[in-house]
Amino acid sequence: MISWWTIYWILSLDSINNLLCLGVSVCFAATIIILLWVLFFHVTACHPEEIKYANIFLEKWHRVTLKIILPVAISLMLAAAFLPSSAQMAMIYVIPKISNSTFAKTIPAKLEVLANKELDDLIKGSGK
């Protein structure tokens, strides 16, 4: 028996994938904004002391970008890439459960013949 909770999560996989992709976009946007901000701060420095602070600032944000933001973005990207869609998960998990259930095995033969006939008609109709 498939629980309601399982069905809910299977149907929510597309939304979860969209959130992961949004997280990747935010991480890359943050990286670009930080790098542009640091570059602007470094370019506008005129005096030697300002250049020293700009270099410290650049080093700090460079570490933040490389050690925090990019690994998070890559992790989110990998999770989004390998997360199946709702349709894929239904094919992997739900359809075998339904087809192997006792209900599916008790379907009368005439109903099965009728279903096959309708499927054949549907396939022939879509080929026109």
N, C-alpha and C. Protein backbone atom coordinates (compact mmCIF):
# COMPACT_ATOMS: atom_id res chain seq x y z
N MET A 1 0.84 -1.18 0.00
CA MET A 1 0.00 0.00 0.00
C MET A 1 0.88 1.24 0.00
N ILE A 2 0.54 2.17 -0.84
CA ILE A 2 1.27 3.43 -0.93
C ILE A 2 0.59 4.44 -0.01
N SER A 3 1.38 5.03 0.87
CA SER A 3 0.80 5.98 1.81
C SER A 3 0.57 7.33 1.13
N TRP A 4 -0.30 8.12 1.73
CA TRP A 4 -0.57 9.46 1.22
C TRP A 4 0.69 10.31 1.28
N TRP A 5 1.49 10.09 2.30
CA TRP A 5 2.72 10.86 2.48
C TRP A 5 3.68 10.60 1.32
N THR A 6 3.78 9.36 0.90
CA THR A 6 4.65 9.01 -0.23
C THR A 6 4.15 9.66 -1.51
N ILE A 7 2.85 9.61 -1.73
CA ILE A 7 2.27 10.23 -2.92
C ILE A 7 2.51 11.74 -2.91
N TYR A 8 2.36 12.36 -1.74
CA TYR A 8 2.60 13.80 -1.62
C TYR A 8 4.04 14.14 -2.03
N TRP A 9 5.01 13.40 -1.51
CA TRP A 9 6.40 13.70 -1.82
C TRP A 9 6.73 13.41 -3.28
N ILE A 10 6.13 12.39 -3.83
CA ILE A 10 6.37 12.11 -5.25
C ILE A 10 5.84 13.25 -6.11
N LEU A 11 4.66 13.76 -5.76
CA LEU A 11 4.09 14.86 -6.52
C LEU A 11 4.80 16.18 -6.26
N SER A 12 5.53 16.29 -5.16
CA SER A 12 6.25 17.52 -4.83
C SER A 12 7.67 17.57 -5.40
N LEU A 13 8.11 16.52 -6.05
CA LEU A 13 9.49 16.48 -6.55
C LEU A 13 9.79 17.59 -7.55
N ASP A 14 8.83 17.93 -8.39
CA ASP A 14 9.07 19.00 -9.36
C ASP A 14 9.28 20.34 -8.65
N SER A 15 8.49 20.60 -7.61
CA SER A 15 8.65 21.84 -6.85
C SER A 15 10.00 21.88 -6.13
N ILE A 16 10.40 20.75 -5.59
CA ILE A 16 11.69 20.68 -4.91
C ILE A 16 12.82 20.94 -5.90
N ASN A 17 12.70 20.36 -7.09
CA ASN A 17 13.71 20.58 -8.13
C ASN A 17 13.75 22.06 -8.52
N ASN A 18 12.60 22.70 -8.63
CA ASN A 18 12.56 24.13 -8.95
C ASN A 18 13.24 24.96 -7.86
N LEU A 19 13.02 24.60 -6.60
CA LEU A 19 13.68 25.32 -5.49
C LEU A 19 15.20 25.13 -5.53
N LEU A 20 15.65 23.93 -5.86
CA LEU A 20 17.09 23.70 -5.98
C LEU A 20 17.68 24.54 -7.10
N CYS A 21 17.01 24.61 -8.23
CA CYS A 21 17.49 25.43 -9.35
C CYS A 21 17.49 26.91 -8.97
N LEU A 22 16.49 27.34 -8.23
CA LEU A 22 16.45 28.72 -7.76
C LEU A 22 17.63 29.00 -6.82
N GLY A 23 17.94 28.04 -5.95
CA GLY A 23 19.09 28.18 -5.05
C GLY A 23 20.39 28.30 -5.81
N VAL A 24 20.55 27.53 -6.87
CA VAL A 24 21.75 27.61 -7.71
C VAL A 24 21.83 29.00 -8.35
N SER A 25 20.70 29.47 -8.85
CA SER A 25 20.68 30.80 -9.48
C SER A 25 21.05 31.89 -8.48
N VAL A 26 20.52 31.80 -7.28
CA VAL A 26 20.83 32.79 -6.24
C VAL A 26 22.32 32.74 -5.88
N CYS A 27 22.87 31.55 -5.76
CA CYS A 27 24.30 31.42 -5.43
C CYS A 27 25.18 32.03 -6.51
N PHE A 28 24.86 31.74 -7.77
CA PHE A 28 25.67 32.31 -8.85
C PHE A 28 25.49 33.82 -8.95
N ALA A 29 24.27 34.31 -8.73
CA ALA A 29 24.04 35.76 -8.75
C ALA A 29 24.81 36.43 -7.60
N ALA A 30 24.79 35.80 -6.43
CA ALA A 30 25.53 36.34 -5.28
C ALA A 30 27.02 36.36 -5.58
N THR A 31 27.52 35.33 -6.21
CA THR A 31 28.94 35.28 -6.56
C THR A 31 29.30 36.41 -7.51
N ILE A 32 28.49 36.61 -8.52
CA ILE A 32 28.77 37.68 -9.49
C ILE A 32 28.69 39.04 -8.83
N ILE A 33 27.68 39.26 -7.99
CA ILE A 33 27.53 40.55 -7.31
C ILE A 33 28.72 40.79 -6.38
N ILE A 34 29.12 39.78 -5.63
CA ILE A 34 30.26 39.94 -4.71
C ILE A 34 31.53 40.24 -5.50
N LEU A 35 31.75 39.51 -6.59
CA LEU A 35 32.97 39.76 -7.36
C LEU A 35 32.97 41.15 -8.00
N LEU A 36 31.82 41.60 -8.49
CA LEU A 36 31.74 42.95 -9.04
C LEU A 36 31.94 44.01 -7.96
N TRP A 37 31.37 43.76 -6.78
CA TRP A 37 31.52 44.69 -5.67
C TRP A 37 32.98 44.79 -5.24
N VAL A 38 33.64 43.64 -5.13
CA VAL A 38 35.05 43.62 -4.73
C VAL A 38 35.89 44.28 -5.81
N LEU A 39 35.59 44.01 -7.06
CA LEU A 39 36.33 44.62 -8.15
C LEU A 39 36.17 46.14 -8.14
N PHE A 40 34.95 46.61 -7.93
CA PHE A 40 34.70 48.05 -7.85
C PHE A 40 35.46 48.65 -6.67
N PHE A 41 35.45 47.98 -5.54
CA PHE A 41 36.15 48.47 -4.35
C PHE A 41 37.64 48.53 -4.61
N HIS A 42 38.16 47.55 -5.33
CA HIS A 42 39.59 47.48 -5.62
C HIS A 42 40.00 48.54 -6.65
N VAL A 43 39.16 48.76 -7.65
CA VAL A 43 39.47 49.72 -8.71
C VAL A 43 39.41 51.15 -8.20
N THR A 44 38.47 51.45 -7.30
CA THR A 44 38.32 52.83 -6.82
C THR A 44 39.33 53.22 -5.75
N ALA A 45 40.12 52.26 -5.27
CA ALA A 45 41.13 52.58 -4.26
C ALA A 45 42.27 53.37 -4.91
N CYS A 46 42.58 54.53 -4.32
CA CYS A 46 43.60 55.41 -4.91
C CYS A 46 44.88 55.46 -4.07
N HIS A 47 44.72 55.57 -2.77
CA HIS A 47 45.87 55.70 -1.88
C HIS A 47 46.40 54.32 -1.51
N PRO A 48 47.69 54.25 -1.12
CA PRO A 48 48.27 52.95 -0.75
C PRO A 48 47.53 52.26 0.40
N GLU A 49 47.05 53.06 1.35
CA GLU A 49 46.33 52.45 2.48
C GLU A 49 44.99 51.88 2.02
N GLU A 50 44.33 52.58 1.13
CA GLU A 50 43.07 52.07 0.58
C GLU A 50 43.31 50.80 -0.22
N ILE A 51 44.41 50.75 -0.93
CA ILE A 51 44.75 49.55 -1.71
C ILE A 51 45.01 48.38 -0.77
N LYS A 52 45.67 48.65 0.36
CA LYS A 52 45.92 47.60 1.35
C LYS A 52 44.60 47.04 1.87
N TYR A 53 43.66 47.93 2.23
CA TYR A 53 42.35 47.47 2.71
C TYR A 53 41.56 46.77 1.61
N ALA A 54 41.71 47.26 0.39
CA ALA A 54 41.03 46.63 -0.75
C ALA A 54 41.54 45.22 -0.96
N ASN A 55 42.85 45.03 -0.80
CA ASN A 55 43.42 43.68 -0.95
C ASN A 55 42.94 42.74 0.15
N ILE A 56 42.85 43.24 1.37
CA ILE A 56 42.32 42.44 2.49
C ILE A 56 40.86 42.08 2.22
N PHE A 57 40.11 43.07 1.77
CA PHE A 57 38.70 42.87 1.45
C PHE A 57 38.53 41.84 0.33
N LEU A 58 39.37 41.99 -0.70
CA LEU A 58 39.33 41.06 -1.84
C LEU A 58 39.64 39.64 -1.39
N GLU A 59 40.65 39.50 -0.56
CA GLU A 59 41.04 38.17 -0.07
C GLU A 59 39.93 37.53 0.76
N LYS A 60 39.29 38.33 1.62
CA LYS A 60 38.22 37.82 2.47
C LYS A 60 37.05 37.33 1.63
N TRP A 61 36.58 38.15 0.71
CA TRP A 61 35.42 37.77 -0.10
C TRP A 61 35.76 36.69 -1.11
N HIS A 62 37.00 36.64 -1.53
CA HIS A 62 37.43 35.57 -2.42
C HIS A 62 37.31 34.23 -1.70
N ARG A 63 37.72 34.20 -0.42
CA ARG A 63 37.59 32.98 0.38
C ARG A 63 36.13 32.61 0.59
N VAL A 64 35.31 33.60 0.89
CA VAL A 64 33.88 33.34 1.11
C VAL A 64 33.25 32.76 -0.15
N THR A 65 33.59 33.35 -1.28
CA THR A 65 33.02 32.88 -2.55
C THR A 65 33.48 31.46 -2.87
N LEU A 66 34.77 31.22 -2.75
CA LEU A 66 35.29 29.91 -3.14
C LEU A 66 34.99 28.81 -2.13
N LYS A 67 34.94 29.14 -0.86
CA LYS A 67 34.76 28.10 0.15
C LYS A 67 33.32 27.88 0.59
N ILE A 68 32.44 28.84 0.33
CA ILE A 68 31.05 28.68 0.80
C ILE A 68 30.06 28.69 -0.36
N ILE A 69 30.04 29.77 -1.12
CA ILE A 69 28.98 29.94 -2.10
C ILE A 69 29.09 28.95 -3.25
N LEU A 70 30.26 28.81 -3.85
CA LEU A 70 30.39 27.89 -4.99
C LEU A 70 30.17 26.43 -4.61
N PRO A 71 30.70 25.92 -3.48
CA PRO A 71 30.37 24.53 -3.13
C PRO A 71 28.88 24.31 -2.89
N VAL A 72 28.21 25.30 -2.29
CA VAL A 72 26.76 25.18 -2.08
C VAL A 72 26.05 25.14 -3.43
N ALA A 73 26.46 26.00 -4.35
CA ALA A 73 25.84 26.03 -5.68
C ALA A 73 26.07 24.72 -6.42
N ILE A 74 27.27 24.19 -6.34
CA ILE A 74 27.56 22.92 -7.01
C ILE A 74 26.77 21.78 -6.38
N SER A 75 26.65 21.77 -5.06
CA SER A 75 25.85 20.74 -4.39
C SER A 75 24.39 20.82 -4.80
N LEU A 76 23.84 22.02 -4.84
CA LEU A 76 22.45 22.19 -5.26
C LEU A 76 22.26 21.77 -6.71
N MET A 77 23.25 22.09 -7.56
CA MET A 77 23.16 21.72 -8.96
C MET A 77 23.16 20.19 -9.12
N LEU A 78 24.03 19.51 -8.39
CA LEU A 78 24.07 18.05 -8.46
C LEU A 78 22.77 17.43 -7.93
N ALA A 79 22.26 17.99 -6.84
CA ALA A 79 20.99 17.47 -6.30
C ALA A 79 19.86 17.68 -7.31
N ALA A 80 19.83 18.83 -7.96
CA ALA A 80 18.78 19.09 -8.96
C ALA A 80 18.94 18.17 -10.16
N ALA A 81 20.17 17.87 -10.53
CA ALA A 81 20.40 17.02 -11.70
C ALA A 81 19.95 15.58 -11.46
N PHE A 82 20.15 15.08 -10.26
CA PHE A 82 19.85 13.68 -9.99
C PHE A 82 18.49 13.45 -9.34
N LEU A 83 17.75 14.51 -9.05
CA LEU A 83 16.41 14.37 -8.47
C LEU A 83 15.44 14.04 -9.58
N PRO A 84 14.74 12.91 -9.48
CA PRO A 84 13.80 12.56 -10.56
C PRO A 84 12.58 13.46 -10.53
N SER A 85 11.94 13.59 -11.68
CA SER A 85 10.70 14.36 -11.74
C SER A 85 9.57 13.51 -11.16
N SER A 86 8.41 14.13 -10.98
CA SER A 86 7.26 13.39 -10.44
C SER A 86 6.87 12.24 -11.36
N ALA A 87 6.90 12.49 -12.67
CA ALA A 87 6.54 11.44 -13.63
C ALA A 87 7.53 10.29 -13.58
N GLN A 88 8.82 10.61 -13.50
CA GLN A 88 9.84 9.56 -13.42
C GLN A 88 9.69 8.75 -12.13
N MET A 89 9.44 9.43 -11.03
CA MET A 89 9.30 8.73 -9.76
C MET A 89 8.05 7.87 -9.75
N ALA A 90 6.99 8.34 -10.40
CA ALA A 90 5.78 7.52 -10.50
C ALA A 90 6.08 6.24 -11.27
N MET A 91 6.86 6.36 -12.34
CA MET A 91 7.21 5.18 -13.11
C MET A 91 8.11 4.24 -12.31
N ILE A 92 8.97 4.79 -11.51
CA ILE A 92 9.89 3.97 -10.73
C ILE A 92 9.19 3.30 -9.55
N TYR A 93 8.32 4.03 -8.87
CA TYR A 93 7.81 3.56 -7.59
C TYR A 93 6.32 3.19 -7.61
N VAL A 94 5.49 4.06 -8.14
CA VAL A 94 4.05 3.88 -8.01
C VAL A 94 3.51 2.82 -8.97
N ILE A 95 3.87 2.89 -10.24
CA ILE A 95 3.30 1.96 -11.22
C ILE A 95 3.61 0.50 -10.89
N PRO A 96 4.83 0.14 -10.50
CA PRO A 96 5.05 -1.26 -10.11
C PRO A 96 4.21 -1.69 -8.89
N LYS A 97 4.02 -0.75 -7.94
CA LYS A 97 3.20 -1.09 -6.77
C LYS A 97 1.76 -1.38 -7.18
N ILE A 98 1.24 -0.57 -8.11
CA ILE A 98 -0.14 -0.77 -8.54
C ILE A 98 -0.27 -2.03 -9.38
N SER A 99 0.65 -2.23 -10.30
CA SER A 99 0.53 -3.39 -11.19
C SER A 99 0.78 -4.71 -10.46
N ASN A 100 1.54 -4.69 -9.39
CA ASN A 100 1.80 -5.92 -8.63
C ASN A 100 0.83 -6.11 -7.47
N SER A 101 -0.15 -5.23 -7.34
CA SER A 101 -1.09 -5.35 -6.23
C SER A 101 -2.10 -6.46 -6.49
N THR A 102 -2.78 -6.89 -5.45
CA THR A 102 -3.78 -7.94 -5.59
C THR A 102 -4.97 -7.44 -6.39
N PHE A 103 -5.26 -6.15 -6.32
CA PHE A 103 -6.36 -5.58 -7.09
C PHE A 103 -6.12 -5.74 -8.59
N ALA A 104 -4.89 -5.44 -9.03
CA ALA A 104 -4.58 -5.55 -10.45
C ALA A 104 -4.66 -6.99 -10.94
N LYS A 105 -4.38 -7.92 -10.05
CA LYS A 105 -4.42 -9.34 -10.45
C LYS A 105 -5.84 -9.89 -10.49
N THR A 106 -6.78 -9.18 -9.87
CA THR A 106 -8.16 -9.66 -9.86
C THR A 106 -9.03 -9.02 -10.93
N ILE A 107 -8.43 -8.21 -11.79
CA ILE A 107 -9.21 -7.59 -12.87
C ILE A 107 -9.69 -8.69 -13.82
N PRO A 108 -10.96 -8.69 -14.14
CA PRO A 108 -11.49 -9.72 -15.03
C PRO A 108 -10.84 -9.68 -16.40
N ALA A 109 -10.79 -10.82 -17.04
CA ALA A 109 -10.15 -10.94 -18.35
C ALA A 109 -10.86 -10.08 -19.39
N LYS A 110 -12.19 -9.99 -19.33
CA LYS A 110 -12.92 -9.19 -20.30
C LYS A 110 -12.56 -7.71 -20.19
N LEU A 111 -12.37 -7.26 -18.98
CA LEU A 111 -11.99 -5.86 -18.77
C LEU A 111 -10.59 -5.60 -19.33
N GLU A 112 -9.73 -6.56 -19.19
CA GLU A 112 -8.37 -6.44 -19.73
C GLU A 112 -8.40 -6.39 -21.26
N VAL A 113 -9.25 -7.23 -21.88
CA VAL A 113 -9.39 -7.22 -23.33
C VAL A 113 -9.94 -5.87 -23.79
N LEU A 114 -10.94 -5.35 -23.07
CA LEU A 114 -11.53 -4.06 -23.41
C LEU A 114 -10.48 -2.94 -23.31
N ALA A 115 -9.68 -2.96 -22.26
CA ALA A 115 -8.64 -1.95 -22.07
C ALA A 115 -7.62 -2.03 -23.20
N ASN A 116 -7.21 -3.23 -23.57
CA ASN A 116 -6.25 -3.39 -24.67
C ASN A 116 -6.83 -2.88 -25.98
N LYS A 117 -8.11 -3.17 -26.23
CA LYS A 117 -8.77 -2.71 -27.46
C LYS A 117 -8.80 -1.18 -27.50
N GLU A 118 -9.16 -0.55 -26.38
CA GLU A 118 -9.20 0.91 -26.32
C GLU A 118 -7.82 1.52 -26.52
N LEU A 119 -6.81 0.90 -25.94
CA LEU A 119 -5.45 1.38 -26.13
C LEU A 119 -5.02 1.27 -27.58
N ASP A 120 -5.36 0.15 -28.22
CA ASP A 120 -5.03 -0.02 -29.64
C ASP A 120 -5.72 1.05 -30.49
N ASP A 121 -7.02 1.31 -30.19
CA ASP A 121 -7.75 2.34 -30.93
C ASP A 121 -7.13 3.71 -30.71
N LEU A 122 -6.69 3.98 -29.49
CA LEU A 122 -6.07 5.25 -29.17
C LEU A 122 -4.74 5.42 -29.92
N ILE A 123 -3.98 4.34 -29.98
CA ILE A 123 -2.69 4.39 -30.70
C ILE A 123 -2.93 4.57 -32.19
N LYS A 124 -3.90 3.86 -32.75
CA LYS A 124 -4.19 4.02 -34.19
C LYS A 124 -4.72 5.42 -34.47
N GLY A 125 -5.53 5.96 -33.57
CA GLY A 125 -6.09 7.30 -33.75
C GLY A 125 -5.04 8.39 -33.70
N SER A 126 -4.01 8.21 -32.87
CA SER A 126 -2.96 9.23 -32.75
C SER A 126 -2.00 9.19 -33.92
N GLY A 127 -2.00 8.07 -34.68
CA GLY A 127 -1.11 7.94 -35.82
C GLY A 127 -1.63 8.64 -37.05
N LYS A 128 -2.87 9.09 -37.04
CA LYS A 128 -3.46 9.73 -38.24
C LYS A 128 -2.95 11.11 -38.43
